[in-house]
């Protein structure tokens, strides 16, 4: 591989050192001083639905990344994946809180995370798929982070100041997530015959779910440009497969979400009145 790594060029424009590592909700409150009132003329129900869906994406993928703890190929990667998961969990908490403020229910982040069934979740199906091998997980992270980064970059100028502040903080985190995943996709795609074959398998398995991202929020050009750059550097083809029908945003999920939520929610549901 060339020393001019593709993941370094992906980091251009996001070179703040804070984007390199992840600490959940961070050490500063991104909403400090932000007016939480819904701006006049803004559809509060639509805002709540958007926050809920984006929160669900983050929560579910955070849980999948947590499954790598004690299972990652190296300790360094275990720490990195755990920290990325904490970033996403922090985003989910902020988004759920905003949903509760704007949907008229006053529900807490715990209520959204622990006391809804799979049919009530609105996450993209890509994030609920089992981890598979390391190649599968880093490719999914690359695709998801590229999509979410492009989306959050736009949301940083959203008319709702709370959502805009959440997105602005998330942009720094997601830039690192994308960089980390791109580095591994290049290493594996341009590595051994075995690692290259595993990346090809991951591409074929995940590509049918990509169209759903663009249906949720169409930043297709930016995401595909990122993917082509990384895949070209990795010696991997851009897959051409038909999309799968259905939408996680409409509550249509794979059979993998319910078992994931059962594990995630088990303690809270067993002790619903507990405080920690």
Protein backbone atom coordinates (compact mmCIF):
# COMPACT_ATOMS: atom_id res chain seq x y z
CA UNK A 1 0.00 0.00 0.00
CA UNK A 2 1.05 3.56 -0.58
CA UNK A 3 2.06 5.69 2.39
CA UNK A 4 -0.64 8.11 1.24
CA UNK A 5 -3.34 6.15 3.02
CA UNK A 6 -6.94 6.70 1.97
CA UNK A 7 -8.07 7.09 5.57
CA UNK A 8 -5.78 10.08 6.01
CA UNK A 9 -7.44 11.89 3.13
CA UNK A 10 -10.83 11.04 4.59
CA UNK A 11 -9.78 12.85 7.76
CA UNK A 12 -9.13 16.11 5.89
CA UNK A 13 -11.39 18.83 7.18
CA UNK A 14 -11.85 16.97 10.46
CA UNK A 15 -8.34 17.27 11.90
CA UNK A 16 -9.32 18.32 15.41
CA UNK A 17 -7.56 15.99 17.83
CA UNK A 18 -10.87 15.52 19.64
CA UNK A 19 -12.04 13.50 16.64
CA UNK A 20 -9.40 10.84 17.25
CA UNK A 21 -10.84 9.23 20.34
CA UNK A 22 -14.22 8.71 21.79
CA UNK A 23 -15.58 9.06 25.29
CA UNK A 24 -19.34 8.58 25.10
CA UNK A 25 -21.03 11.88 25.82
CA UNK A 26 -17.64 13.51 26.39
CA UNK A 27 -16.49 15.83 29.15
CA UNK A 28 -18.48 18.86 28.07
CA UNK A 29 -22.23 19.19 27.79
CA UNK A 30 -22.92 20.01 24.12
CA UNK A 31 -26.32 21.41 25.10
CA UNK A 32 -25.05 23.87 27.69
CA UNK A 33 -26.73 27.20 27.05
CA UNK A 34 -28.82 25.86 24.15
CA UNK A 35 -32.48 26.88 24.10
CA UNK A 36 -34.51 23.66 24.36
CA UNK A 37 -37.80 25.22 23.23
CA UNK A 38 -39.02 23.90 19.88
CA UNK A 39 -38.69 26.77 17.40
CA UNK A 40 -41.96 28.29 16.25
CA UNK A 41 -43.28 26.72 13.08
CA UNK A 42 -41.25 23.51 13.49
CA UNK A 43 -43.19 20.22 13.49
CA UNK A 44 -42.46 18.82 16.96
CA UNK A 45 -43.80 15.36 16.11
CA UNK A 46 -41.58 15.08 13.04
CA UNK A 47 -38.58 16.30 15.03
CA UNK A 48 -39.24 13.69 17.72
CA UNK A 49 -39.54 10.93 15.10
CA UNK A 50 -36.23 11.94 13.51
CA UNK A 51 -34.46 12.00 16.89
CA UNK A 52 -35.93 8.63 17.82
CA UNK A 53 -34.83 6.96 14.59
CA UNK A 54 -31.30 8.35 14.81
CA UNK A 55 -31.15 7.38 18.46
CA UNK A 56 -32.23 3.84 17.63
CA UNK A 57 -29.52 3.54 14.97
CA UNK A 58 -26.88 4.56 17.48
CA UNK A 59 -28.13 2.40 20.35
CA UNK A 60 -28.36 -0.79 18.30
CA UNK A 61 -24.94 -0.41 16.69
CA UNK A 62 -23.43 0.48 20.07
CA UNK A 63 -24.75 -2.83 21.39
CA UNK A 64 -23.27 -4.72 18.45
CA UNK A 65 -19.88 -3.05 19.02
CA UNK A 66 -20.04 -3.92 22.72
CA UNK A 67 -20.20 -7.58 21.69
CA UNK A 68 -16.60 -7.28 20.48
CA UNK A 69 -15.36 -6.69 24.03
CA UNK A 70 -13.22 -9.73 24.97
CA UNK A 71 -13.59 -10.97 21.35
CA UNK A 72 -11.65 -8.45 19.25
CA UNK A 73 -8.49 -9.68 17.49
CA UNK A 74 -6.24 -7.35 19.52
CA UNK A 75 -6.58 -5.39 22.76
CA UNK A 76 -6.07 -2.10 20.90
CA UNK A 77 -8.99 -2.86 18.59
CA UNK A 78 -11.15 -3.92 21.52
CA UNK A 79 -10.56 -0.55 23.18
CA UNK A 80 -11.19 1.33 19.93
CA UNK A 81 -14.45 -0.48 19.20
CA UNK A 82 -15.63 -0.04 22.78
CA UNK A 83 -14.93 3.69 22.62
CA UNK A 84 -16.73 4.03 19.31
CA UNK A 85 -19.67 2.23 20.88
CA UNK A 86 -19.59 4.70 23.78
CA UNK A 87 -19.67 7.59 21.32
CA UNK A 88 -22.78 6.15 19.70
CA UNK A 89 -24.37 5.45 23.07
CA UNK A 90 -23.77 9.07 24.02
CA UNK A 91 -25.45 10.21 20.81
CA UNK A 92 -28.40 7.92 21.49
CA UNK A 93 -28.88 9.35 24.99
CA UNK A 94 -28.98 12.93 23.72
CA UNK A 95 -31.32 12.06 20.87
CA UNK A 96 -33.70 10.09 23.09
CA UNK A 97 -33.82 12.95 25.56
CA UNK A 98 -34.74 15.35 22.76
CA UNK A 99 -37.42 12.93 21.52
CA UNK A 100 -38.93 12.85 25.00
CA UNK A 101 -38.97 16.64 25.14
CA UNK A 102 -40.75 17.01 21.81
CA UNK A 103 -43.11 14.03 21.38
CA UNK A 104 -45.41 15.07 24.23
CA UNK A 105 -44.73 11.98 26.34
CA UNK A 106 -41.91 13.23 28.55
CA UNK A 107 -40.31 9.79 28.33
CA UNK A 108 -36.73 9.37 29.49
CA UNK A 109 -33.84 7.91 27.54
CA UNK A 110 -34.15 4.71 29.60
CA UNK A 111 -37.81 4.36 28.63
CA UNK A 112 -36.91 4.52 24.94
CA UNK A 113 -33.95 2.15 25.24
CA UNK A 114 -35.28 -0.49 27.61
CA UNK A 115 -39.05 -0.54 27.47
CA UNK A 116 -39.92 -0.73 23.79
CA UNK A 117 -40.24 -3.92 21.78
CA UNK A 118 -38.47 -4.61 18.48
CA UNK A 119 -41.48 -3.57 16.39
CA UNK A 120 -41.35 -0.12 18.00
CA UNK A 121 -37.73 0.51 17.00
CA UNK A 122 -36.99 2.55 13.89
CA UNK A 123 -33.32 1.76 13.30
CA UNK A 124 -31.83 0.88 9.95
CA UNK A 125 -31.59 -2.86 9.43
CA UNK A 126 -27.88 -2.69 8.64
CA UNK A 127 -26.99 -1.94 12.26
CA UNK A 128 -28.91 -4.89 13.70
CA UNK A 129 -27.19 -7.57 11.61
CA UNK A 130 -24.93 -9.89 13.64
CA UNK A 131 -21.27 -8.87 13.81
CA UNK A 132 -19.98 -11.73 11.69
CA UNK A 133 -16.20 -11.59 11.43
CA UNK A 134 -14.01 -8.53 11.92
CA UNK A 135 -14.13 -7.73 8.18
CA UNK A 136 -17.92 -7.58 8.28
CA UNK A 137 -17.96 -5.31 11.33
CA UNK A 138 -15.42 -2.77 10.07
CA UNK A 139 -17.10 -2.57 6.67
CA UNK A 140 -20.46 -1.93 8.31
CA UNK A 141 -18.87 0.72 10.51
CA UNK A 142 -17.36 2.42 7.44
CA UNK A 143 -20.68 2.52 5.59
CA UNK A 144 -22.70 3.62 8.61
CA UNK A 145 -20.18 6.24 9.76
CA UNK A 146 -19.88 7.69 6.24
CA UNK A 147 -23.67 7.97 5.97
CA UNK A 148 -24.17 9.35 9.47
CA UNK A 149 -21.30 11.82 9.12
CA UNK A 150 -22.78 13.24 5.91
CA UNK A 151 -26.21 13.41 7.54
CA UNK A 152 -24.95 15.00 10.77
CA UNK A 153 -22.93 17.55 8.82
CA UNK A 154 -26.21 18.75 7.33
CA UNK A 155 -28.05 18.50 10.66
CA UNK A 156 -25.48 20.78 12.29
CA UNK A 157 -27.42 23.56 10.56
CA UNK A 158 -30.84 22.16 11.50
CA UNK A 159 -33.54 24.64 12.54
CA UNK A 160 -33.85 22.93 15.93
CA UNK A 161 -30.91 24.22 18.01
CA UNK A 162 -30.79 21.11 20.18
CA UNK A 163 -30.58 18.69 17.26
CA UNK A 164 -28.02 20.99 15.62
CA UNK A 165 -25.84 20.91 18.75
CA UNK A 166 -26.09 17.13 19.01
CA UNK A 167 -25.11 16.79 15.34
CA UNK A 168 -22.21 19.23 15.64
CA UNK A 169 -20.72 17.17 18.46
CA UNK A 170 -21.38 13.95 16.57
CA UNK A 171 -19.53 15.15 13.46
CA UNK A 172 -16.21 15.07 15.32
CA UNK A 173 -16.87 11.58 16.65
CA UNK A 174 -18.11 10.18 13.35
CA UNK A 175 -15.10 11.52 11.46
CA UNK A 176 -12.92 9.33 13.67
CA UNK A 177 -15.25 6.33 13.28
CA UNK A 178 -15.04 6.62 9.50
CA UNK A 179 -11.27 7.01 9.58
CA UNK A 180 -10.80 4.00 11.84
CA UNK A 181 -13.02 1.77 9.72
CA UNK A 182 -11.48 2.95 6.43
CA UNK A 183 -8.02 2.08 7.71
CA UNK A 184 -9.08 -1.49 8.45
CA UNK A 185 -11.00 -1.98 5.21
CA UNK A 186 -7.89 -0.98 3.26
CA UNK A 187 -5.64 -3.21 5.36
CA UNK A 188 -7.88 -6.24 4.97
CA UNK A 189 -8.84 -5.68 1.35
CA UNK A 190 -5.22 -5.11 0.33
CA UNK A 191 -3.87 -7.77 2.69
CA UNK A 192 -3.74 -11.54 2.36
CA UNK A 193 -5.85 -13.71 0.08
CA UNK A 194 -7.90 -14.71 3.13
CA UNK A 195 -8.55 -11.15 4.34
CA UNK A 196 -9.38 -10.01 0.80
CA UNK A 197 -11.86 -12.87 0.39
CA UNK A 198 -13.52 -12.01 3.70
CA UNK A 199 -13.95 -8.40 2.65
CA UNK A 200 -15.57 -9.54 -0.60
CA UNK A 201 -17.97 -11.72 1.38
CA UNK A 202 -18.83 -8.82 3.67
CA UNK A 203 -19.51 -6.53 0.71
CA UNK A 204 -21.90 -8.97 -0.93
CA UNK A 205 -23.75 -9.55 2.35
CA UNK A 206 -24.17 -5.87 3.27
CA UNK A 207 -24.72 -4.13 -0.06
CA UNK A 208 -28.44 -5.08 -0.25
CA UNK A 209 -29.02 -2.97 2.88
CA UNK A 210 -27.29 0.18 1.64
CA UNK A 211 -30.23 1.58 -0.31
CA UNK A 212 -32.18 1.78 2.94
CA UNK A 213 -29.73 4.37 4.25
CA UNK A 214 -30.41 6.65 1.31
CA UNK A 215 -34.16 6.18 1.68
CA UNK A 216 -33.82 7.34 5.30
CA UNK A 217 -31.74 10.35 4.29
CA UNK A 218 -30.31 10.74 0.82
CA UNK A 219 -26.64 11.67 1.00
CA UNK A 220 -25.86 9.12 -1.67
CA UNK A 221 -23.23 11.08 -3.59
CA UNK A 222 -21.09 11.83 -0.54
CA UNK A 223 -21.30 8.29 0.83
CA UNK A 224 -20.60 6.55 -2.45
CA UNK A 225 -17.64 8.85 -3.07
CA UNK A 226 -16.19 7.80 0.30
CA UNK A 227 -16.80 4.13 -0.38
CA UNK A 228 -15.30 4.22 -3.88
CA UNK A 229 -12.18 5.91 -2.54
CA UNK A 230 -11.71 3.31 0.17
CA UNK A 231 -12.64 0.30 -1.96
CA UNK A 232 -10.34 1.39 -4.76
CA UNK A 233 -7.44 1.68 -2.31
CA UNK A 234 -8.32 -1.74 -0.92
CA UNK A 235 -8.50 -3.38 -4.34
CA UNK A 236 -12.16 -4.19 -3.84
CA UNK A 237 -15.01 -3.75 -6.34
CA UNK A 238 -18.08 -1.65 -5.72
CA UNK A 239 -20.81 -4.31 -5.42
CA UNK A 240 -23.82 -4.28 -7.69
CA UNK A 241 -26.68 -6.15 -6.05
CA UNK A 242 -30.42 -5.43 -5.85
CA UNK A 243 -31.66 -3.85 -2.61
CA UNK A 244 -33.73 -5.83 -0.16
CA UNK A 245 -37.36 -4.77 0.23
CA UNK A 246 -38.56 -3.34 3.52
CA UNK A 247 -37.53 -0.51 5.81
CA UNK A 248 -36.36 -0.51 9.40
CA UNK A 249 -37.67 3.05 9.62
CA UNK A 250 -41.17 1.58 9.14
CA UNK A 251 -40.66 -1.01 11.88
CA UNK A 252 -39.75 -3.83 9.50
CA UNK A 253 -36.75 -5.61 10.97
CA UNK A 254 -34.74 -8.77 10.57
CA UNK A 255 -35.06 -11.58 13.07
CA UNK A 256 -31.80 -10.43 14.67
CA UNK A 257 -33.13 -7.33 16.42
CA UNK A 258 -35.38 -8.97 19.02
CA UNK A 259 -32.62 -11.18 20.53
CA UNK A 260 -30.26 -8.19 20.63
CA UNK A 261 -32.83 -6.12 22.50
CA UNK A 262 -33.64 -8.99 24.87
CA UNK A 263 -30.04 -9.02 26.02
CA UNK A 264 -29.77 -5.24 26.12
CA UNK A 265 -32.99 -4.79 28.09
CA UNK A 266 -32.90 -7.81 30.40
CA UNK A 267 -31.63 -6.13 33.58
CA UNK A 268 -33.83 -3.04 33.26
CA UNK A 269 -36.92 -5.14 32.67
CA UNK A 270 -36.12 -7.51 35.51
CA UNK A 271 -35.76 -4.54 37.90
CA UNK A 272 -37.94 -1.78 36.40
CA UNK A 273 -38.01 0.34 39.55
CA UNK A 274 -34.30 0.07 40.33
CA UNK A 275 -32.00 3.06 40.59
CA UNK A 276 -28.25 2.83 40.13
